[in-house]
Amino acid sequence: MTLKEIAKNTSTKFVDVRSETEFKMGHVKNAVNIPLDQFQQRYGEIKGLGETPVVFYCRSGNRSGQAVGYLRKMGIDNIYNGGALEDLQYYLN
């Protein structure tokens, strides 16, 4: 399954790991904002984590990659690095 197919899946959840300020400037509809510097304390707020697809994104894909790497080390699957917000928005349109 491609990232585009995963992103368009109605059960997919989105997590924006950018700062609150960046999030307020624009984000994927219904995305949850958990800034990377708060991620280790707050990742439990992601409903369906490991059960339904969850796509993480940020400005460039670096921070979202770190979040995905952290969760994979914890044994959590069904998570994806969506890369940059602009890339993800392209897939959703």
PDB file of N, CA and C in Angstrom:
ATOM      1  N   MET A   1       0.849  -1.179   0.000  1.00  0.00           N
ATOM      2  CA  MET A   1       0.000   0.000   0.000  1.00  0.00           C
ATOM      3  C   MET A   1       0.897   1.245   0.000  1.00  0.00           C
ATOM      4  N   THR A   2       0.585   2.214  -0.830  1.00  0.00           N
ATOM      5  CA  THR A   2       1.386   3.427  -0.916  1.00  0.00           C
ATOM      6  C   THR A   2       0.973   4.425   0.162  1.00  0.00           C
ATOM      7  N   LEU A   3       1.833   5.408   0.396  1.00  0.00           N
ATOM      8  CA  LEU A   3       1.515   6.446   1.373  1.00  0.00           C
ATOM      9  C   LEU A   3       0.265   7.211   0.940  1.00  0.00           C
ATOM     10  N   LYS A   4       0.102   7.425  -0.350  1.00  0.00           N
ATOM     11  CA  LYS A   4      -1.086   8.118  -0.846  1.00  0.00           C
ATOM     12  C   LYS A   4      -2.343   7.328  -0.505  1.00  0.00           C
ATOM     13  N   GLU A   5      -2.311   6.019  -0.689  1.00  0.00           N
ATOM     14  CA  GLU A   5      -3.467   5.173  -0.365  1.00  0.00           C
ATOM     15  C   GLU A   5      -3.737   5.183   1.137  1.00  0.00           C
ATOM     16  N   ILE A   6      -2.680   5.137   1.923  1.00  0.00           N
ATOM     17  CA  ILE A   6      -2.827   5.173   3.385  1.00  0.00           C
ATOM     18  C   ILE A   6      -3.426   6.505   3.814  1.00  0.00           C
ATOM     19  N   ALA A   7      -2.918   7.603   3.248  1.00  0.00           N
ATOM     20  CA  ALA A   7      -3.403   8.937   3.613  1.00  0.00           C
ATOM     21  C   ALA A   7      -4.879   9.120   3.259  1.00  0.00           C
ATOM     22  N   LYS A   8      -5.316   8.532   2.171  1.00  0.00           N
ATOM     23  CA  LYS A   8      -6.708   8.685   1.742  1.00  0.00           C
ATOM     24  C   LYS A   8      -7.666   7.727   2.451  1.00  0.00           C
ATOM     25  N   ASN A   9      -7.132   6.769   3.194  1.00  0.00           N
ATOM     26  CA  ASN A   9      -7.953   5.823   3.950  1.00  0.00           C
ATOM     27  C   ASN A   9      -8.713   6.592   5.028  1.00  0.00           C
ATOM     28  N   THR A  10     -10.010   6.414   5.107  1.00  0.00           N
ATOM     29  CA  THR A  10     -10.824   7.181   6.059  1.00  0.00           C
ATOM     30  C   THR A  10     -10.528   6.840   7.521  1.00  0.00           C
ATOM     31  N   SER A  11      -9.909   5.697   7.780  1.00  0.00           N
ATOM     32  CA  SER A  11      -9.591   5.354   9.165  1.00  0.00           C
ATOM     33  C   SER A  11      -8.218   5.878   9.601  1.00  0.00           C
ATOM     34  N   THR A  12      -7.448   6.456   8.678  1.00  0.00           N
ATOM     35  CA  THR A  12      -6.115   6.968   9.001  1.00  0.00           C
ATOM     36  C   THR A  12      -6.208   8.206   9.868  1.00  0.00           C
ATOM     37  N   LYS A  13      -5.348   8.247  10.863  1.00  0.00           N
ATOM     38  CA  LYS A  13      -5.248   9.412  11.737  1.00  0.00           C
ATOM     39  C   LYS A  13      -3.949  10.147  11.394  1.00  0.00           C
ATOM     40  N   PHE A  14      -3.913  11.451  11.650  1.00  0.00           N
ATOM     41  CA  PHE A  14      -2.751  12.269  11.338  1.00  0.00           C
ATOM     42  C   PHE A  14      -2.248  12.962  12.601  1.00  0.00           C
ATOM     43  N   VAL A  15      -0.932  12.954  12.762  1.00  0.00           N
ATOM     44  CA  VAL A  15      -0.298  13.622  13.901  1.00  0.00           C
ATOM     45  C   VAL A  15       0.738  14.593  13.360  1.00  0.00           C
ATOM     46  N   ASP A  16       0.579  15.842  13.715  1.00  0.00           N
ATOM     47  CA  ASP A  16       1.489  16.913  13.337  1.00  0.00           C
ATOM     48  C   ASP A  16       2.473  17.105  14.485  1.00  0.00           C
ATOM     49  N   VAL A  17       3.762  16.888  14.229  1.00  0.00           N
ATOM     50  CA  VAL A  17       4.752  16.993  15.313  1.00  0.00           C
ATOM     51  C   VAL A  17       5.491  18.332  15.274  1.00  0.00           C
ATOM     52  N   ARG A  18       4.938  19.294  14.545  1.00  0.00           N
ATOM     53  CA  ARG A  18       5.515  20.638  14.532  1.00  0.00           C
ATOM     54  C   ARG A  18       5.088  21.390  15.797  1.00  0.00           C
ATOM     55  N   SER A  19       5.617  22.583  15.965  1.00  0.00           N
ATOM     56  CA  SER A  19       5.262  23.403  17.132  1.00  0.00           C
ATOM     57  C   SER A  19       3.810  23.858  17.030  1.00  0.00           C
ATOM     58  N   GLU A  20       3.273  24.323  18.144  1.00  0.00           N
ATOM     59  CA  GLU A  20       1.896  24.822  18.156  1.00  0.00           C
ATOM     60  C   GLU A  20       1.738  25.988  17.192  1.00  0.00           C
ATOM     61  N   THR A  21       2.747  26.850  17.117  1.00  0.00           N
ATOM     62  CA  THR A  21       2.707  28.002  16.215  1.00  0.00           C
ATOM     63  C   THR A  21       2.639  27.541  14.765  1.00  0.00           C
ATOM     64  N   GLU A  22       3.471  26.563  14.399  1.00  0.00           N
ATOM     65  CA  GLU A  22       3.453  26.037  13.034  1.00  0.00           C
ATOM     66  C   GLU A  22       2.096  25.397  12.730  1.00  0.00           C
ATOM     67  N   PHE A  23       1.568  24.667  13.695  1.00  0.00           N
ATOM     68  CA  PHE A  23       0.277  23.995  13.532  1.00  0.00           C
ATOM     69  C   PHE A  23      -0.824  25.013  13.261  1.00  0.00           C
ATOM     70  N   LYS A  24      -0.816  26.112  13.989  1.00  0.00           N
ATOM     71  CA  LYS A  24      -1.844  27.141  13.827  1.00  0.00           C
ATOM     72  C   LYS A  24      -1.780  27.802  12.457  1.00  0.00           C
ATOM     73  N   MET A  25      -0.624  27.746  11.803  1.00  0.00           N
ATOM     74  CA  MET A  25      -0.460  28.357  10.475  1.00  0.00           C
ATOM     75  C   MET A  25      -1.040  27.474   9.365  1.00  0.00           C
ATOM     76  N   GLY A  26      -1.413  26.246   9.697  1.00  0.00           N
ATOM     77  CA  GLY A  26      -2.009  25.343   8.726  1.00  0.00           C
ATOM     78  C   GLY A  26      -1.662  23.914   9.048  1.00  0.00           C
ATOM     79  N   HIS A  27      -2.622  23.019   8.832  1.00  0.00           N
ATOM     80  CA  HIS A  27      -2.417  21.602   9.142  1.00  0.00           C
ATOM     81  C   HIS A  27      -3.433  20.750   8.396  1.00  0.00           C
ATOM     82  N   VAL A  28      -3.220  19.449   8.422  1.00  0.00           N
ATOM     83  CA  VAL A  28      -4.159  18.507   7.826  1.00  0.00           C
ATOM     84  C   VAL A  28      -5.424  18.509   8.678  1.00  0.00           C
ATOM     85  N   LYS A  29      -6.570  18.464   8.006  1.00  0.00           N
ATOM     86  CA  LYS A  29      -7.854  18.459   8.709  1.00  0.00           C
ATOM     87  C   LYS A  29      -7.908  17.308   9.715  1.00  0.00           C
ATOM     88  N   ASN A  30      -8.362  17.607  10.914  1.00  0.00           N
ATOM     89  CA  ASN A  30      -8.531  16.656  12.020  1.00  0.00           C
ATOM     90  C   ASN A  30      -7.219  16.112  12.584  1.00  0.00           C
ATOM     91  N   ALA A  31      -6.099  16.717  12.221  1.00  0.00           N
ATOM     92  CA  ALA A  31      -4.817  16.262  12.764  1.00  0.00           C
ATOM     93  C   ALA A  31      -4.706  16.631  14.241  1.00  0.00           C
ATOM     94  N   VAL A  32      -3.965  15.805  14.968  1.00  0.00           N
ATOM     95  CA  VAL A  32      -3.646  16.059  16.367  1.00  0.00           C
ATOM     96  C   VAL A  32      -2.258  16.691  16.387  1.00  0.00           C
ATOM     97  N   ASN A  33      -2.083  17.734  17.181  1.00  0.00           N
ATOM     98  CA  ASN A  33      -0.775  18.389  17.288  1.00  0.00           C
ATOM     99  C   ASN A  33      -0.076  17.931  18.564  1.00  0.00           C
ATOM    100  N   ILE A  34       1.022  17.199  18.381  1.00  0.00           N
ATOM    101  CA  ILE A  34       1.876  16.796  19.495  1.00  0.00           C
ATOM    102  C   ILE A  34       3.302  17.169  19.096  1.00  0.00           C
ATOM    103  N   PRO A  35       3.774  18.360  19.495  1.00  0.00           N
ATOM    104  CA  PRO A  35       5.119  18.786  19.121  1.00  0.00           C
ATOM    105  C   PRO A  35       6.173  17.757  19.530  1.00  0.00           C
ATOM    106  N   LEU A  36       7.196  17.616  18.700  1.00  0.00           N
ATOM    107  CA  LEU A  36       8.214  16.596  18.943  1.00  0.00           C
ATOM    108  C   LEU A  36       8.838  16.730  20.325  1.00  0.00           C
ATOM    109  N   ASP A  37       9.035  17.964  20.803  1.00  0.00           N
ATOM    110  CA  ASP A  37       9.665  18.133  22.123  1.00  0.00           C
ATOM    111  C   ASP A  37       8.759  17.688  23.278  1.00  0.00           C
ATOM    112  N   GLN A  38       7.496  17.390  22.993  1.00  0.00           N
ATOM    113  CA  GLN A  38       6.553  16.874  23.997  1.00  0.00           C
ATOM    114  C   GLN A  38       6.148  15.432  23.698  1.00  0.00           C
ATOM    115  N   PHE A  39       6.692  14.876  22.624  1.00  0.00           N
ATOM    116  CA  PHE A  39       6.200  13.619  22.084  1.00  0.00           C
ATOM    117  C   PHE A  39       6.314  12.446  23.051  1.00  0.00           C
ATOM    118  N   GLN A  40       7.441  12.289  23.710  1.00  0.00           N
ATOM    119  CA  GLN A  40       7.626  11.136  24.603  1.00  0.00           C
ATOM    120  C   GLN A  40       6.622  11.135  25.740  1.00  0.00           C
ATOM    121  N   GLN A  41       6.192  12.299  26.191  1.00  0.00           N
ATOM    122  CA  GLN A  41       5.229  12.375  27.283  1.00  0.00           C
ATOM    123  C   GLN A  41       3.786  12.272  26.794  1.00  0.00           C
ATOM    124  N   ARG A  42       3.531  12.590  25.504  1.00  0.00           N
ATOM    125  CA  ARG A  42       2.150  12.733  25.042  1.00  0.00           C
ATOM    126  C   ARG A  42       1.700  11.742  23.971  1.00  0.00           C
ATOM    127  N   TYR A  43       2.581  10.865  23.489  1.00  0.00           N
ATOM    128  CA  TYR A  43       2.178   9.998  22.375  1.00  0.00           C
ATOM    129  C   TYR A  43       0.979   9.111  22.735  1.00  0.00           C
ATOM    130  N   GLY A  44       0.727   8.875  24.010  1.00  0.00           N
ATOM    131  CA  GLY A  44      -0.418   8.080  24.445  1.00  0.00           C
ATOM    132  C   GLY A  44      -1.754   8.727  24.117  1.00  0.00           C
ATOM    133  N   GLU A  45      -1.736  10.000  23.727  1.00  0.00           N
ATOM    134  CA  GLU A  45      -2.963  10.711  23.359  1.00  0.00           C
ATOM    135  C   GLU A  45      -3.459  10.319  21.962  1.00  0.00           C
ATOM    136  N   ILE A  46      -2.653   9.573  21.211  1.00  0.00           N
ATOM    137  CA  ILE A  46      -3.020   9.207  19.845  1.00  0.00           C
ATOM    138  C   ILE A  46      -3.964   8.015  19.892  1.00  0.00           C
ATOM    139  N   LYS A  47      -5.221   8.249  19.602  1.00  0.00           N
ATOM    140  CA  LYS A  47      -6.234   7.187  19.645  1.00  0.00           C
ATOM    141  C   LYS A  47      -5.982   6.180  18.524  1.00  0.00           C
ATOM    142  N   GLY A  48      -6.049   4.910  18.835  1.00  0.00           N
ATOM    143  CA  GLY A  48      -5.881   3.866  17.837  1.00  0.00           C
ATOM    144  C   GLY A  48      -4.449   3.581  17.456  1.00  0.00           C
ATOM    145  N   LEU A  49      -3.497   4.107  18.201  1.00  0.00           N
ATOM    146  CA  LEU A  49      -2.079   3.928  17.874  1.00  0.00           C
ATOM    147  C   LEU A  49      -1.736   2.442  17.825  1.00  0.00           C
ATOM    148  N   GLY A  50      -1.247   2.003  16.675  1.00  0.00           N
ATOM    149  CA  GLY A  50      -0.906   0.604  16.476  1.00  0.00           C
ATOM    150  C   GLY A  50      -2.049  -0.232  15.923  1.00  0.00           C
ATOM    151  N   GLU A  51      -3.272   0.272  16.039  1.00  0.00           N
ATOM    152  CA  GLU A  51      -4.444  -0.455  15.545  1.00  0.00           C
ATOM    153  C   GLU A  51      -4.916   0.075  14.196  1.00  0.00           C
ATOM    154  N   THR A  52      -4.982   1.387  14.068  1.00  0.00           N
ATOM    155  CA  THR A  52      -5.355   2.012  12.800  1.00  0.00           C
ATOM    156  C   THR A  52      -4.133   2.747  12.256  1.00  0.00           C
ATOM    157  N   PRO A  53      -4.087   2.989  10.945  1.00  0.00           N
ATOM    158  CA  PRO A  53      -2.932   3.692  10.392  1.00  0.00           C
ATOM    159  C   PRO A  53      -2.808   5.102  10.983  1.00  0.00           C
ATOM    160  N   VAL A  54      -1.589   5.478  11.332  1.00  0.00           N
ATOM    161  CA  VAL A  54      -1.315   6.820  11.828  1.00  0.00           C
ATOM    162  C   VAL A  54      -0.160   7.379  11.005  1.00  0.00           C
ATOM    163  N   VAL A  55      -0.391   8.541  10.405  1.00  0.00           N
ATOM    164  CA  VAL A  55       0.624   9.204   9.596  1.00  0.00           C
ATOM    165  C   VAL A  55       1.108  10.439  10.341  1.00  0.00           C
ATOM    166  N   PHE A  56       2.406  10.523  10.511  1.00  0.00           N
ATOM    167  CA  PHE A  56       3.050  11.650  11.178  1.00  0.00           C
ATOM    168  C   PHE A  56       3.634  12.571  10.119  1.00  0.00           C
ATOM    169  N   TYR A  57       3.600  13.863  10.381  1.00  0.00           N
ATOM    170  CA  TYR A  57       4.204  14.807   9.442  1.00  0.00           C
ATOM    171  C   TYR A  57       4.735  16.024  10.181  1.00  0.00           C
ATOM    172  N   CYS A  58       5.553  16.804   9.474  1.00  0.00           N
ATOM    173  CA  CYS A  58       6.122  18.031  10.034  1.00  0.00           C
ATOM    174  C   CYS A  58       6.420  18.988   8.884  1.00  0.00           C
ATOM    175  N   ARG A  59       7.464  19.791   8.986  1.00  0.00           N
ATOM    176  CA  ARG A  59       7.798  20.728   7.929  1.00  0.00           C
ATOM    177  C   ARG A  59       8.598  20.073   6.814  1.00  0.00           C
ATOM    178  N   SER A  60       9.534  19.175   7.193  1.00  0.00           N
ATOM    179  CA  SER A  60      10.417  18.578   6.192  1.00  0.00           C
ATOM    180  C   SER A  60      10.406  17.054   6.172  1.00  0.00           C
ATOM    181  N   GLY A  61       9.881  16.439   7.222  1.00  0.00           N
ATOM    182  CA  GLY A  61       9.914  14.983   7.349  1.00  0.00           C
ATOM    183  C   GLY A  61      10.925  14.508   8.377  1.00  0.00           C
ATOM    184  N   ASN A  62      11.768  15.402   8.864  1.00  0.00           N
ATOM    185  CA  ASN A  62      12.788  15.035   9.840  1.00  0.00           C
ATOM    186  C   ASN A  62      12.172  14.731  11.208  1.00  0.00           C
ATOM    187  N   ARG A  63      11.409  15.658  11.738  1.00  0.00           N
ATOM    188  CA  ARG A  63      10.808  15.451  13.066  1.00  0.00           C
ATOM    189  C   ARG A  63       9.805  14.297  13.057  1.00  0.00           C
ATOM    190  N   SER A  64       9.027  14.186  11.980  1.00  0.00           N
ATOM    191  CA  SER A  64       8.076  13.078  11.907  1.00  0.00           C
ATOM    192  C   SER A  64       8.817  11.751  11.813  1.00  0.00           C
ATOM    193  N   GLY A  65       9.964  11.740  11.148  1.00  0.00           N
ATOM    194  CA  GLY A  65      10.790  10.535  11.092  1.00  0.00           C
ATOM    195  C   GLY A  65      11.305  10.138  12.463  1.00  0.00           C
ATOM    196  N   GLN A  66      11.671  11.127  13.265  1.00  0.00           N
ATOM    197  CA  GLN A  66      12.120  10.850  14.629  1.00  0.00           C
ATOM    198  C   GLN A  66      10.986  10.259  15.469  1.00  0.00           C
ATOM    199  N   ALA A  67       9.793  10.808  15.324  1.00  0.00           N
ATOM    200  CA  ALA A  67       8.637  10.303  16.081  1.00  0.00           C
ATOM    201  C   ALA A  67       8.329   8.861  15.690  1.00  0.00           C
ATOM    202  N   VAL A  68       8.331   8.575  14.385  1.00  0.00           N
ATOM    203  CA  VAL A  68       8.065   7.216  13.904  1.00  0.00           C
ATOM    204  C   VAL A  68       9.151   6.262  14.395  1.00  0.00           C
ATOM    205  N   GLY A  69      10.409   6.700  14.325  1.00  0.00           N
ATOM    206  CA  GLY A  69      11.516   5.860  14.800  1.00  0.00           C
ATOM    207  C   GLY A  69      11.384   5.521  16.274  1.00  0.00           C
ATOM    208  N   TYR A  70      11.001   6.498  17.072  1.00  0.00           N
ATOM    209  CA  TYR A  70      10.809   6.297  18.506  1.00  0.00           C
ATOM    210  C   TYR A  70       9.744   5.241  18.765  1.00  0.00           C
ATOM    211  N   LEU A  71       8.602   5.360  18.078  1.00  0.00           N
ATOM    212  CA  LEU A  71       7.502   4.418  18.282  1.00  0.00           C
ATOM    213  C   LEU A  71       7.843   3.021  17.764  1.00  0.00           C
ATOM    214  N   ARG A  72       8.566   2.954  16.663  1.00  0.00           N
ATOM    215  CA  ARG A  72       8.956   1.636  16.134  1.00  0.00           C
ATOM    216  C   ARG A  72       9.889   0.922  17.103  1.00  0.00           C
ATOM    217  N   LYS A  73      10.778   1.660  17.761  1.00  0.00           N
ATOM    218  CA  LYS A  73      11.664   1.055  18.768  1.00  0.00           C
ATOM    219  C   LYS A  73      10.860   0.495  19.932  1.00  0.00           C
ATOM    220  N   MET A  74       9.676   1.057  20.146  1.00  0.00           N
ATOM    221  CA  MET A  74       8.792   0.570  21.204  1.00  0.00           C
ATOM    222  C   MET A  74       7.933  -0.590  20.720  1.00  0.00           C
ATOM    223  N   GLY A  75       8.096  -0.981  19.455  1.00  0.00           N
ATOM    224  CA  GLY A  75       7.353  -2.107  18.909  1.00  0.00           C
ATOM    225  C   GLY A  75       5.992  -1.756  18.338  1.00  0.00           C
ATOM    226  N   ILE A  76       5.744  -0.485  18.094  1.00  0.00           N
ATOM    227  CA  ILE A  76       4.453  -0.060  17.564  1.00  0.00           C
ATOM    228  C   ILE A  76       4.523  -0.030  16.040  1.00  0.00           C
ATOM    229  N   ASP A  77       3.563  -0.667  15.398  1.00  0.00           N
ATOM    230  CA  ASP A  77       3.497  -0.728  13.944  1.00  0.00           C
ATOM    231  C   ASP A  77       2.300   0.057  13.431  1.00  0.00           C
ATOM    232  N   ASN A  78       2.099   0.015  12.115  1.00  0.00           N
ATOM    233  CA  ASN A  78       0.994   0.691  11.448  1.00  0.00           C
ATOM    234  C   ASN A  78       1.134   2.209  11.579  1.00  0.00           C
ATOM    235  N   ILE A  79       2.398   2.675  11.584  1.00  0.00           N
ATOM    236  CA  ILE A  79       2.714   4.096  11.670  1.00  0.00           C
ATOM    237  C   ILE A  79       3.582   4.456  10.469  1.00  0.00           C
ATOM    238  N   TYR A  80       3.426   5.683   9.987  1.00  0.00           N
ATOM    239  CA  TYR A  80       4.078   6.088   8.753  1.00  0.00           C
ATOM    240  C   TYR A  80       4.595   7.516   8.842  1.00  0.00           C
ATOM    241  N   ASN A  81       5.732   7.760   8.209  1.00  0.00           N
ATOM    242  CA  ASN A  81       6.253   9.108   8.097  1.00  0.00           C
ATOM    243  C   ASN A  81       5.687   9.713   6.831  1.00  0.00           C
ATOM    244  N   GLY A  82       4.802  10.674   6.997  1.00  0.00           N
ATOM    245  CA  GLY A  82       4.190  11.346   5.849  1.00  0.00           C
ATOM    246  C   GLY A  82       5.058  12.431   5.264  1.00  0.00           C
ATOM    247  N   GLY A  83       6.186  12.729   5.914  1.00  0.00           N
ATOM    248  CA  GLY A  83       7.085  13.750   5.403  1.00  0.00           C
ATOM    249  C   GLY A  83       6.594  15.147   5.719  1.00  0.00           C
ATOM    250  N   ALA A  84       6.747  16.021   4.732  1.00  0.00           N
ATOM    251  CA  ALA A  84       6.372  17.425   4.899  1.00  0.00           C
ATOM    252  C   ALA A  84       4.874  17.622   4.745  1.00  0.00           C
ATOM    253  N   LEU A  85       4.350  18.621   5.417  1.00  0.00           N
ATOM    254  CA  LEU A  85       2.931  18.965   5.323  1.00  0.00           C
ATOM    255  C   LEU A  85       2.516  19.138   3.865  1.00  0.00           C
ATOM    256  N   GLU A  86       3.315  19.844   3.077  1.00  0.00           N
ATOM    257  CA  GLU A  86       2.971  20.093   1.677  1.00  0.00           C
ATOM    258  C   GLU A  86       2.863  18.788   0.887  1.00  0.00           C
ATOM    259  N   ASP A  87       3.768  17.849   1.151  1.00  0.00           N
ATOM    260  CA  ASP A  87       3.723  16.565   0.467  1.00  0.00           C
ATOM    261  C   ASP A  87       2.438  15.807   0.824  1.00  0.00           C
ATOM    262  N   LEU A  88       2.108  15.815   2.083  1.00  0.00           N
ATOM    263  CA  LEU A  88       0.920  15.096   2.550  1.00  0.00           C
ATOM    264  C   LEU A  88      -0.342  15.733   1.961  1.00  0.00           C
ATOM    265  N   GLN A  89      -0.386  17.060   1.916  1.00  0.00           N
ATOM    266  CA  GLN A  89      -1.541  17.731   1.331  1.00  0.00           C
ATOM    267  C   GLN A  89      -1.681  17.376  -0.147  1.00  0.00           C
ATOM    268  N   TYR A  90      -0.569  17.195  -0.837  1.00  0.00           N
ATOM    269  CA  TYR A  90      -0.605  16.792  -2.235  1.00  0.00           C
ATOM    270  C   TYR A  90      -1.251  15.413  -2.369  1.00  0.00           C
ATOM    271  N   TYR A  91      -0.875  14.491  -1.482  1.00  0.00           N
ATOM    272  CA  TYR A  91      -1.461  13.150  -1.519  1.00  0.00           C
ATOM    273  C   TYR A  91      -2.952  13.164  -1.229  1.00  0.00           C
ATOM    274  N   LEU A  92      -3.385  14.064  -0.390  1.00  0.00           N
ATOM    275  CA  LEU A  92      -4.789  14.121   0.023  1.00  0.00           C
ATOM    276  C   LEU A  92      -5.691  14.786  -1.018  1.00  0.00           C
ATOM    277  N   ASN A  93      -5.104  15.513  -1.936  1.00  0.00           N
ATOM    278  CA  ASN A  93      -5.896  16.204  -2.982  1.00  0.00           C
ATOM    279  C   ASN A  93      -5.981  15.396  -4.248  1.00  0.00           C
TER     280      ASN A  93
END
